[in-house]
Amino acid sequence: MKKGLRIAIIAAAACLLAFLILMIFMMNGNRKRELTCGGVNVEFADGYNFVTPEDIEGYLDSEYGAYIGQRLDSVDLAKVEKILDNKSAILKTEAYTTPDGMLNVKVYQREPVVRFQKGGNGFYADEKGFLFPLQSNYTSQVPIIDGAVPLTFESGYKGEPVTDKEKEWLSGIIELAAHMKATKTWAENISQISVRANGDLVMVPRQGKEVFIFGPADDFEEKFSKMEKYYTSILPEKGEGFYSTVNVKYKGQIICRK
């Protein structure tokens, strides 16, 4: 009889606990339905400043419509992400709401690895070969390439290069930029890279009057090794300013010209 009483008490307690949990869920559900969106909170997952919290708010105000004051559980988070993910400097976003009535947006910006200047148009490329325009809010310190850049883009263009040949060329440039960054020395000492009409890359150092004819974006280690040899062996013997061009594009050769 005592055993049966204990079982009955346990069963009653379990039912009461289940009832309380159900009530809590119902109260939370009702409270959530009563909550309205009081604003947007923007968090950046990186150190870039291509877009600002004000930019994010402006994009949503103009393209989403009125979300402030909207019932919190009816805010279309997928739509918020789609609007923001379509911006050229944004890689992706994550949108979610919190019980304090805020719409939260976590922003992942694109990481540029190289910058192109072609005529009046300036563009970045990220490590995946996605091109996007320069941003007025922030300038990234990456290698700058100008001259006869063999990429087809108009002002405001964003996306991958147009042709397979352009994609292949850009891929080589991205690998070159990665190599320079990894070695640090050349990333710090090369101020600019120009593309000649014949496709040769010409590297302009921060110091000295000579420029280096690098040729195509290949055989990085060998070519940079020859550039280093110029600085350690040839320059000390001939002196500053003796040569104006140093050609390292041919295998096994360093061709210096006055």
Protein backbone atom coordinates (compact mmCIF):
# COMPACT_ATOMS: atom_id res chain seq x y z
CA MET A 1 0.00 0.00 0.00
CA LYS A 2 2.87 2.37 0.88
CA LYS A 3 4.55 1.48 -2.39
CA GLY A 4 1.41 2.35 -4.32
CA LEU A 5 1.17 5.68 -2.49
CA ARG A 6 4.76 6.55 -3.41
CA ILE A 7 4.10 5.74 -7.04
CA ALA A 8 0.98 7.92 -7.01
CA ILE A 9 2.90 10.82 -5.46
CA ILE A 10 5.72 10.51 -8.03
CA ALA A 11 3.20 10.37 -10.88
CA ALA A 12 1.42 13.46 -9.55
CA ALA A 13 4.70 15.34 -9.21
CA ALA A 14 5.66 14.41 -12.77
CA CYS A 15 2.33 15.63 -14.09
CA LEU A 16 2.69 18.89 -12.16
CA LEU A 17 6.23 19.40 -13.52
CA ALA A 18 5.07 18.72 -17.08
CA PHE A 19 2.19 21.19 -16.58
CA LEU A 20 4.57 23.86 -15.28
CA ILE A 21 6.96 23.35 -18.23
CA LEU A 22 4.04 23.60 -20.66
CA MET A 23 2.88 26.81 -19.01
CA ILE A 24 6.37 28.29 -19.22
CA PHE A 25 6.58 27.48 -22.93
CA MET A 26 3.14 28.98 -23.51
CA MET A 27 4.03 32.11 -21.56
CA ASN A 28 7.32 32.48 -23.48
CA GLY A 29 5.48 31.94 -26.75
CA ASN A 30 2.90 34.55 -25.87
CA ARG A 31 5.61 36.94 -24.69
CA LYS A 32 7.54 36.45 -27.94
CA ARG A 33 4.43 37.16 -29.96
CA GLU A 34 3.96 40.33 -27.96
CA LEU A 35 7.58 41.51 -28.45
CA THR A 36 8.31 44.01 -31.18
CA CYS A 37 11.63 44.76 -32.85
CA GLY A 38 13.22 47.72 -31.12
CA GLY A 39 16.33 48.09 -33.29
CA VAL A 40 19.26 46.38 -34.96
CA ASN A 41 22.54 45.37 -33.36
CA VAL A 42 25.46 44.86 -35.78
CA GLU A 43 28.50 42.74 -34.97
CA PHE A 44 31.54 42.34 -37.24
CA ALA A 45 33.42 39.05 -37.35
CA ASP A 46 36.63 40.64 -38.70
CA GLY A 47 38.76 43.76 -38.52
CA TYR A 48 37.78 45.32 -41.84
CA ASN A 49 35.71 48.48 -42.11
CA PHE A 50 34.30 48.26 -45.63
CA VAL A 51 30.81 48.65 -44.22
CA THR A 52 29.64 50.31 -41.02
CA PRO A 53 26.69 49.68 -38.70
CA GLU A 54 25.07 52.75 -40.27
CA ASP A 55 25.48 51.15 -43.72
CA ILE A 56 23.75 47.99 -42.52
CA GLU A 57 20.85 49.98 -41.09
CA GLY A 58 20.62 51.99 -44.31
CA TYR A 59 20.51 48.86 -46.48
CA LEU A 60 17.69 47.40 -44.37
CA ASP A 61 15.74 50.65 -44.21
CA SER A 62 15.78 51.05 -47.98
CA GLU A 63 15.36 47.42 -49.08
CA TYR A 64 13.58 45.56 -46.26
CA GLY A 65 11.15 48.23 -45.21
CA ALA A 66 9.83 48.93 -41.73
CA TYR A 67 11.20 46.34 -39.32
CA ILE A 68 11.36 48.58 -36.26
CA GLY A 69 8.09 48.01 -34.42
CA GLN A 70 7.37 44.80 -36.35
CA ARG A 71 6.42 41.78 -34.25
CA LEU A 72 9.72 40.13 -33.42
CA ASP A 73 8.74 36.61 -34.48
CA SER A 74 7.58 37.90 -37.87
CA VAL A 75 10.88 39.53 -38.88
CA ASP A 76 12.00 37.72 -42.05
CA LEU A 77 15.56 36.75 -41.15
CA ALA A 78 16.18 35.03 -44.50
CA LYS A 79 15.23 38.24 -46.30
CA VAL A 80 17.54 40.29 -44.06
CA GLU A 81 20.46 37.98 -44.89
CA LYS A 82 19.68 37.97 -48.60
CA ILE A 83 19.65 41.79 -48.75
CA LEU A 84 22.98 42.11 -46.96
CA ASP A 85 24.72 39.15 -48.65
CA ASN A 86 24.10 40.88 -51.97
CA LYS A 87 26.41 43.76 -51.04
CA SER A 88 29.77 43.54 -52.77
CA ALA A 89 32.04 43.85 -49.73
CA ILE A 90 30.01 41.42 -47.60
CA LEU A 91 30.84 37.72 -47.78
CA LYS A 92 27.91 36.54 -45.65
CA THR A 93 25.71 37.54 -42.72
CA GLU A 94 23.89 35.77 -39.92
CA ALA A 95 20.64 37.34 -38.67
CA TYR A 96 18.79 36.36 -35.49
CA THR A 97 16.52 37.92 -32.87
CA THR A 98 16.92 37.96 -29.09
CA PRO A 99 14.42 38.31 -26.20
CA ASP A 100 15.50 41.89 -25.63
CA GLY A 101 13.64 42.80 -28.82
CA MET A 102 16.72 43.30 -31.00
CA LEU A 103 17.44 42.16 -34.52
CA ASN A 104 21.07 41.00 -34.46
CA VAL A 105 23.26 40.82 -37.55
CA LYS A 106 26.72 39.27 -37.60
CA VAL A 107 28.67 40.44 -40.65
CA TYR A 108 31.54 38.62 -42.36
CA GLN A 109 33.29 40.95 -44.83
CA ARG A 110 35.31 39.91 -47.87
CA GLU A 111 39.06 39.70 -47.31
CA PRO A 112 40.90 41.35 -50.21
CA VAL A 113 44.29 39.94 -51.20
CA VAL A 114 45.10 42.26 -54.11
CA ARG A 115 43.93 45.58 -55.54
CA PHE A 116 43.66 46.45 -59.24
CA GLN A 117 43.68 49.91 -60.76
CA LYS A 118 42.60 50.08 -64.40
CA GLY A 119 41.90 53.51 -65.78
CA GLY A 120 39.45 55.18 -63.45
CA ASN A 121 38.21 51.89 -62.01
CA GLY A 122 39.58 50.33 -58.86
CA PHE A 123 38.78 46.81 -57.67
CA TYR A 124 39.74 44.32 -55.01
CA ALA A 125 39.94 40.55 -55.44
CA ASP A 126 39.53 38.12 -52.56
CA GLU A 127 41.33 34.80 -52.24
CA LYS A 128 38.60 33.01 -54.23
CA GLY A 129 38.91 35.36 -57.20
CA PHE A 130 35.77 37.40 -56.50
CA LEU A 131 36.13 40.98 -57.76
CA PHE A 132 34.43 43.86 -55.98
CA PRO A 133 34.75 47.67 -56.14
CA LEU A 134 36.87 49.79 -53.83
CA GLN A 135 34.95 51.03 -50.80
CA SER A 136 34.88 54.64 -49.67
CA ASN A 137 34.93 53.75 -45.97
CA TYR A 138 38.18 51.81 -45.88
CA THR A 139 41.34 51.04 -47.87
CA SER A 140 42.98 47.65 -47.41
CA GLN A 141 46.78 47.44 -47.44
CA VAL A 142 47.30 44.83 -50.15
CA PRO A 143 49.51 44.73 -53.28
CA ILE A 144 48.41 47.22 -55.94
CA ILE A 145 48.50 46.17 -59.60
CA ASP A 146 47.98 48.70 -62.41
CA GLY A 147 48.77 49.06 -66.11
CA ALA A 148 47.45 46.72 -68.79
CA VAL A 149 45.45 44.56 -66.38
CA PRO A 150 43.83 41.82 -68.55
CA LEU A 151 40.53 41.78 -66.70
CA THR A 152 37.21 42.97 -68.08
CA PHE A 153 35.23 44.98 -65.58
CA GLU A 154 33.17 48.13 -65.55
CA SER A 155 32.54 50.55 -62.73
CA GLY A 156 30.63 48.85 -59.93
CA TYR A 157 31.27 45.32 -61.24
CA LYS A 158 31.24 42.46 -58.73
CA GLY A 159 31.72 38.78 -59.38
CA GLU A 160 34.21 36.43 -61.00
CA PRO A 161 36.23 37.33 -64.11
CA VAL A 162 34.36 37.04 -67.39
CA THR A 163 36.45 34.44 -69.25
CA ASP A 164 38.42 31.32 -68.31
CA LYS A 165 41.61 33.01 -69.49
CA GLU A 166 40.98 35.94 -67.14
CA LYS A 167 40.22 33.54 -64.28
CA GLU A 168 43.51 31.72 -64.89
CA TRP A 169 45.47 34.98 -64.93
CA LEU A 170 43.80 36.19 -61.74
CA SER A 171 44.48 32.86 -60.04
CA GLY A 172 48.20 33.31 -60.72
CA ILE A 173 48.12 36.85 -59.33
CA ILE A 174 46.37 35.65 -56.17
CA GLU A 175 49.03 32.95 -55.70
CA LEU A 176 51.74 35.59 -56.19
CA ALA A 177 50.15 37.87 -53.58
CA ALA A 178 49.90 34.94 -51.15
CA HIS A 179 53.56 34.09 -51.68
CA MET A 180 54.61 37.69 -51.08
CA LYS A 181 52.53 37.84 -47.90
CA ALA A 182 53.97 34.55 -46.63
CA THR A 183 57.56 35.73 -47.10
CA LYS A 184 56.73 39.16 -45.58
CA THR A 185 59.94 40.67 -46.99
CA TRP A 186 58.56 41.22 -50.48
CA ALA A 187 55.12 42.27 -49.29
CA GLU A 188 56.80 45.04 -47.31
CA ASN A 189 59.38 46.07 -49.89
CA ILE A 190 57.39 46.03 -53.15
CA SER A 191 55.21 49.13 -53.37
CA GLN A 192 53.52 48.47 -56.70
CA ILE A 193 53.22 45.99 -59.55
CA SER A 194 52.52 47.13 -63.12
CA VAL A 195 51.39 45.03 -66.08
CA ARG A 196 53.02 45.77 -69.43
CA ALA A 197 51.24 45.39 -72.75
CA ASN A 198 53.11 42.10 -73.38
CA GLY A 199 51.85 40.70 -70.07
CA ASP A 200 55.07 41.09 -68.09
CA LEU A 201 54.71 42.04 -64.45
CA VAL A 202 57.06 44.83 -63.37
CA MET A 203 57.75 45.21 -59.66
CA VAL A 204 58.54 48.61 -58.21
CA PRO A 205 60.40 48.52 -54.86
CA ARG A 206 59.84 51.10 -52.14
CA GLN A 207 63.51 52.07 -52.20
CA GLY A 208 65.94 52.42 -55.09
CA LYS A 209 65.53 53.52 -58.70
CA GLU A 210 65.61 50.10 -60.35
CA VAL A 211 62.51 48.14 -61.30
CA PHE A 212 62.31 44.37 -61.65
CA ILE A 213 60.90 42.72 -64.78
CA PHE A 214 59.22 39.68 -63.25
CA GLY A 215 57.49 38.26 -66.32
CA PRO A 216 54.35 36.14 -65.78
CA ALA A 217 53.12 35.16 -62.31
CA ASP A 218 55.03 31.88 -62.04
CA ASP A 219 58.26 30.40 -60.62
CA PHE A 220 57.94 32.70 -57.62
CA GLU A 221 60.72 31.23 -55.50
CA GLU A 222 63.29 31.30 -58.28
CA LYS A 223 62.48 34.84 -59.38
CA PHE A 224 62.42 36.29 -55.87
CA SER A 225 65.65 34.44 -55.14
CA LYS A 226 67.28 36.22 -58.09
CA MET A 227 65.93 39.55 -56.87
CA GLU A 228 67.47 38.84 -53.47
CA LYS A 229 70.75 37.92 -55.13
CA TYR A 230 70.72 41.27 -56.92
CA TYR A 231 70.46 43.08 -53.59
CA THR A 232 73.11 40.98 -51.83
CA SER A 233 75.69 40.58 -54.62
CA ILE A 234 75.20 42.95 -57.57
CA LEU A 235 73.98 46.14 -55.92
CA PRO A 236 76.81 46.33 -53.35
CA GLU A 237 79.37 46.00 -56.16
CA LYS A 238 77.81 48.41 -58.68
CA GLY A 239 76.27 50.89 -56.27
CA GLU A 240 72.88 52.57 -55.91
CA GLY A 241 71.29 53.74 -59.15
CA PHE A 242 73.79 52.05 -61.49
CA TYR A 243 71.08 49.89 -63.11
CA SER A 244 67.55 51.00 -64.00
CA THR A 245 66.02 47.60 -64.83
CA VAL A 246 66.71 44.11 -63.52
CA ASN A 247 65.16 41.29 -65.55
CA VAL A 248 64.58 38.07 -63.59
CA LYS A 249 61.96 36.42 -65.81
CA TYR A 250 64.35 34.08 -67.65
CA LYS A 251 65.52 30.88 -66.00
CA GLY A 252 69.08 30.98 -64.67
CA GLN A 253 69.62 34.61 -65.69
CA ILE A 254 69.69 38.06 -64.14
CA ILE A 255 69.82 40.71 -66.87
CA CYS A 256 70.67 44.19 -65.62
CA ARG A 257 70.46 47.31 -67.77
CA LYS A 258 71.55 50.87 -67.12
